[in-house]
Amino acid sequence: MIKAVIFDLDGTMLNRDESLKRFISSQYDELHTHFDHIQKEDFCTRFIELDNRGYIWKDFVYASLIQEFNIQSISQQELLNHYITNFHTYCVPFPNLISMLEQLKKLSLSLGIISNGKGQFQMNNIISLKINTYFDTILISEWEEMKKPNPRIFEKALRQLSVKAEEAVYIGDHPANDIIAAKTVGLKTIWKRDEYWPAPSADYVIEDLAEVPLLINNFK
């Protein structure tokens, strides 16, 4: 019997691609006096390329932008601080996020999040999405001093939710860090399809978060 559902954050509940596009467009506009010699499209496109879907931290991204575009009137640290301070205000959820969580809570399921990333930065994003109150445990790699695909972070979530691996479902978008890692620990898995990644061997595949409650009923 399924008693808990554990989620990844970026690419699963948070539409990070769209959020990042909105943020970097706004950052260019807000700090445009430092970028007058750069076309907005060039600046935004290069930022997204360097970001590598969040797998490159922004200190390197901004250092590269400063060098490539010869930006002289604002520092790497100032740009990074602006990102850290403001990104959460541009967070975009995937459709049906809140209604899906509401339905899961009505099924008396415990809910958790396991997210790689910086602690307070990711927590700010979770709060911005207005979903923090739905979750019984939230594990963020920086604060836990371990990250996916390390099985110990999944095992800690299970302990905090007081469930066995076979009583939990994990939902994520990354084939290795999410699906393969969760399956290794013994969790049921749902892959949120992302065309960027090759399809892993998950128990189920979804296109939309609205599909989750029905699938959980299937597991149960």
Protein backbone atom coordinates (compact mmCIF):
# COMPACT_ATOMS: atom_id res chain seq x y z
CA MET A 1 0.00 0.00 0.00
CA ILE A 2 1.32 3.45 -0.92
CA LYS A 3 1.58 5.79 2.05
CA ALA A 4 3.89 8.54 0.76
CA VAL A 5 4.79 10.45 -2.40
CA ILE A 6 8.17 12.16 -2.73
CA PHE A 7 8.89 14.77 -5.38
CA ASP A 8 11.86 16.30 -7.11
CA LEU A 9 11.59 20.10 -7.46
CA ASP A 10 13.25 21.52 -10.60
CA GLY A 11 11.74 20.18 -13.79
CA THR A 12 9.06 18.30 -11.84
CA MET A 13 7.04 20.86 -9.88
CA LEU A 14 8.97 24.01 -10.80
CA ASN A 15 9.09 24.84 -14.51
CA ARG A 16 12.68 25.90 -14.22
CA ASP A 17 13.22 26.55 -17.94
CA GLU A 18 10.40 29.09 -18.09
CA SER A 19 11.33 30.58 -14.72
CA LEU A 20 14.92 31.10 -15.84
CA LYS A 21 13.86 32.76 -19.09
CA ARG A 22 11.66 35.20 -17.19
CA PHE A 23 14.36 35.95 -14.66
CA ILE A 24 17.21 36.59 -17.08
CA SER A 25 15.02 38.79 -19.28
CA SER A 26 14.13 40.86 -16.23
CA GLN A 27 17.72 40.99 -15.01
CA TYR A 28 18.86 42.35 -18.36
CA ASP A 29 16.13 45.01 -18.30
CA GLU A 30 16.78 45.98 -14.69
CA LEU A 31 20.56 46.22 -15.08
CA HIS A 32 20.56 47.33 -18.71
CA THR A 33 22.96 50.23 -18.13
CA HIS A 34 25.72 47.65 -17.61
CA PHE A 35 24.79 45.74 -20.78
CA ASP A 36 24.17 48.50 -23.33
CA HIS A 37 26.83 47.05 -25.63
CA ILE A 38 25.14 43.61 -25.64
CA GLN A 39 21.99 42.61 -27.48
CA LYS A 40 19.39 41.33 -25.03
CA GLU A 41 18.80 38.14 -27.01
CA ASP A 42 22.54 37.38 -27.06
CA PHE A 43 22.88 37.94 -23.32
CA CYS A 44 19.84 35.84 -22.38
CA THR A 45 20.64 33.02 -24.80
CA ARG A 46 24.22 32.72 -23.61
CA PHE A 47 23.16 32.74 -19.93
CA ILE A 48 20.78 29.84 -20.53
CA GLU A 49 23.45 27.91 -22.46
CA LEU A 50 26.03 28.36 -19.70
CA ASP A 51 23.48 27.47 -17.00
CA ASN A 52 23.22 23.97 -18.48
CA ARG A 53 19.76 23.39 -17.02
CA GLY A 54 20.91 24.33 -13.53
CA TYR A 55 23.88 21.98 -13.35
CA ILE A 56 26.36 24.88 -13.44
CA TRP A 57 26.22 27.25 -10.47
CA LYS A 58 25.86 30.90 -11.39
CA ASP A 59 29.23 32.13 -10.14
CA PHE A 60 30.80 30.37 -13.14
CA VAL A 61 27.99 31.48 -15.45
CA TYR A 62 28.43 35.15 -14.58
CA ALA A 63 32.23 34.95 -14.68
CA SER A 64 31.95 33.56 -18.21
CA LEU A 65 29.47 36.24 -19.28
CA ILE A 66 31.69 39.01 -17.94
CA GLN A 67 34.66 37.65 -19.86
CA GLU A 68 32.85 36.86 -23.10
CA PHE A 69 30.91 40.15 -23.29
CA ASN A 70 33.60 42.35 -21.70
CA ILE A 71 31.28 43.57 -18.94
CA GLN A 72 33.22 46.04 -16.79
CA SER A 73 30.80 48.12 -14.73
CA ILE A 74 29.26 45.36 -12.58
CA SER A 75 30.98 42.46 -10.83
CA GLN A 76 30.37 38.74 -10.93
CA GLN A 77 29.38 38.83 -7.25
CA GLU A 78 26.88 41.65 -7.78
CA LEU A 79 25.22 39.71 -10.61
CA LEU A 80 25.20 36.53 -8.53
CA ASN A 81 23.66 38.33 -5.54
CA HIS A 82 20.97 39.75 -7.81
CA TYR A 83 20.19 36.22 -9.02
CA ILE A 84 20.09 34.73 -5.52
CA THR A 85 17.90 37.54 -4.21
CA ASN A 86 15.42 37.75 -7.06
CA PHE A 87 15.09 34.42 -8.87
CA HIS A 88 12.33 33.11 -6.62
CA THR A 89 10.01 35.95 -7.66
CA TYR A 90 9.97 34.55 -11.21
CA CYS A 91 9.18 30.93 -10.28
CA VAL A 92 6.61 29.31 -12.58
CA PRO A 93 4.85 26.11 -11.49
CA PHE A 94 3.91 23.39 -13.91
CA PRO A 95 0.16 23.28 -14.59
CA ASN A 96 -2.11 21.65 -12.01
CA LEU A 97 0.55 21.62 -9.27
CA ILE A 98 -1.63 22.89 -6.41
CA SER A 99 -4.73 20.92 -7.36
CA MET A 100 -2.62 17.76 -7.62
CA LEU A 101 -1.15 18.27 -4.14
CA GLU A 102 -4.62 18.96 -2.74
CA GLN A 103 -5.87 15.66 -4.14
CA LEU A 104 -2.92 13.74 -2.69
CA LYS A 105 -3.53 15.21 0.74
CA LYS A 106 -7.17 14.13 0.51
CA LEU A 107 -5.86 10.58 -0.01
CA SER A 108 -4.14 10.91 3.41
CA LEU A 109 -0.69 10.53 1.85
CA SER A 110 2.48 11.89 3.41
CA LEU A 111 4.41 14.15 1.02
CA GLY A 112 8.11 14.95 0.70
CA ILE A 113 10.60 16.81 -1.48
CA ILE A 114 14.18 15.81 -2.28
CA SER A 115 16.00 18.52 -4.23
CA ASN A 116 19.61 19.03 -5.21
CA GLY A 117 20.75 22.63 -4.87
CA LYS A 118 21.52 25.46 -2.49
CA GLY A 119 19.46 25.27 0.71
CA GLN A 120 17.88 28.67 1.22
CA PHE A 121 17.73 29.33 -2.54
CA GLN A 122 15.64 26.22 -3.15
CA MET A 123 13.51 26.82 -0.08
CA ASN A 124 12.73 30.34 -1.32
CA ASN A 125 11.58 28.81 -4.60
CA ILE A 126 9.37 26.28 -2.79
CA ILE A 127 7.79 29.06 -0.72
CA SER A 128 7.31 31.19 -3.84
CA LEU A 129 5.35 28.34 -5.43
CA LYS A 130 3.16 28.33 -2.28
CA ILE A 131 3.62 24.60 -1.76
CA ASN A 132 5.77 24.40 1.38
CA THR A 133 2.81 23.74 3.69
CA TYR A 134 1.82 20.59 1.79
CA PHE A 135 5.03 18.74 2.62
CA ASP A 136 5.90 16.71 5.69
CA THR A 137 9.63 16.71 4.91
CA ILE A 138 11.84 18.79 2.61
CA LEU A 139 15.43 17.66 2.02
CA ILE A 140 17.77 19.97 0.07
CA SER A 141 21.22 18.66 -0.76
CA GLU A 142 23.28 21.58 0.56
CA TRP A 143 21.61 21.38 3.97
CA GLU A 144 21.75 17.58 4.04
CA GLU A 145 25.41 17.48 2.92
CA MET A 146 24.54 14.78 0.40
CA LYS A 147 22.81 14.87 -2.95
CA LYS A 148 20.95 12.69 -5.39
CA PRO A 149 21.69 10.05 -6.61
CA ASN A 150 23.17 9.17 -3.18
CA PRO A 151 20.75 6.57 -1.77
CA ARG A 152 21.17 7.97 1.76
CA ILE A 153 19.14 11.09 0.95
CA PHE A 154 16.23 8.92 -0.22
CA GLU A 155 16.56 6.71 2.85
CA LYS A 156 16.49 9.76 5.12
CA ALA A 157 13.28 10.96 3.48
CA LEU A 158 11.69 7.55 4.03
CA ARG A 159 12.69 7.60 7.70
CA GLN A 160 11.29 11.07 8.21
CA LEU A 161 8.03 10.04 6.57
CA SER A 162 7.96 6.78 8.61
CA VAL A 163 7.43 4.59 5.55
CA LYS A 164 9.21 1.69 3.90
CA ALA A 165 10.61 2.06 0.38
CA GLU A 166 7.88 -0.16 -1.09
CA GLU A 167 5.26 2.12 0.49
CA ALA A 168 6.50 5.23 -1.34
CA VAL A 169 6.45 6.66 -4.86
CA TYR A 170 9.11 9.04 -6.19
CA ILE A 171 8.37 11.52 -8.99
CA GLY A 172 11.13 13.26 -10.92
CA ASP A 173 12.44 14.28 -14.32
CA HIS A 174 16.12 13.28 -14.29
CA PRO A 175 16.71 9.69 -15.46
CA ALA A 176 19.72 8.99 -13.22
CA ASN A 177 19.42 11.35 -10.25
CA ASP A 178 15.70 10.75 -9.82
CA ILE A 179 14.36 7.58 -11.41
CA ILE A 180 17.30 5.17 -11.35
CA ALA A 181 18.40 6.39 -7.92
CA ALA A 182 14.92 5.99 -6.43
CA LYS A 183 14.45 2.54 -7.98
CA THR A 184 17.80 1.45 -6.52
CA VAL A 185 16.47 2.25 -3.05
CA GLY A 186 13.27 0.32 -3.78
CA LEU A 187 10.76 3.12 -4.40
CA LYS A 188 8.08 3.02 -7.07
CA THR A 189 8.81 5.66 -9.71
CA ILE A 190 6.98 8.09 -11.97
CA TRP A 191 8.98 9.93 -14.62
CA LYS A 192 7.76 13.41 -15.58
CA ARG A 193 8.64 13.42 -19.23
CA ASP A 194 11.30 15.87 -20.34
CA GLU A 195 12.34 15.66 -23.99
CA TYR A 196 15.84 16.80 -23.01
CA TRP A 197 16.50 13.47 -21.28
CA PRO A 198 16.35 9.90 -22.61
CA ALA A 199 13.41 7.96 -21.18
CA PRO A 200 14.36 5.88 -18.12
CA SER A 201 12.70 2.64 -17.06
CA ALA A 202 10.11 4.07 -14.67
CA ASP A 203 6.94 2.39 -13.46
CA TYR A 204 4.86 5.13 -15.09
CA VAL A 205 5.44 8.16 -17.32
CA ILE A 206 3.38 11.37 -17.08
CA GLU A 207 3.07 14.45 -19.23
CA ASP A 208 1.06 16.48 -16.70
CA LEU A 209 0.95 16.60 -12.91
CA ALA A 210 -2.82 16.14 -13.07
CA GLU A 211 -2.15 12.47 -13.88
CA VAL A 212 -0.45 11.78 -10.55
CA PRO A 213 -3.45 11.12 -8.25
CA LEU A 214 -4.92 8.50 -10.61
CA LEU A 215 -1.57 6.72 -10.85
CA ILE A 216 -1.17 6.71 -7.08
CA ASN A 217 -4.56 5.03 -6.86
CA ASN A 218 -3.29 2.42 -9.34
CA PHE A 219 -0.29 1.75 -7.10
CA LYS A 220 -2.54 1.52 -4.04
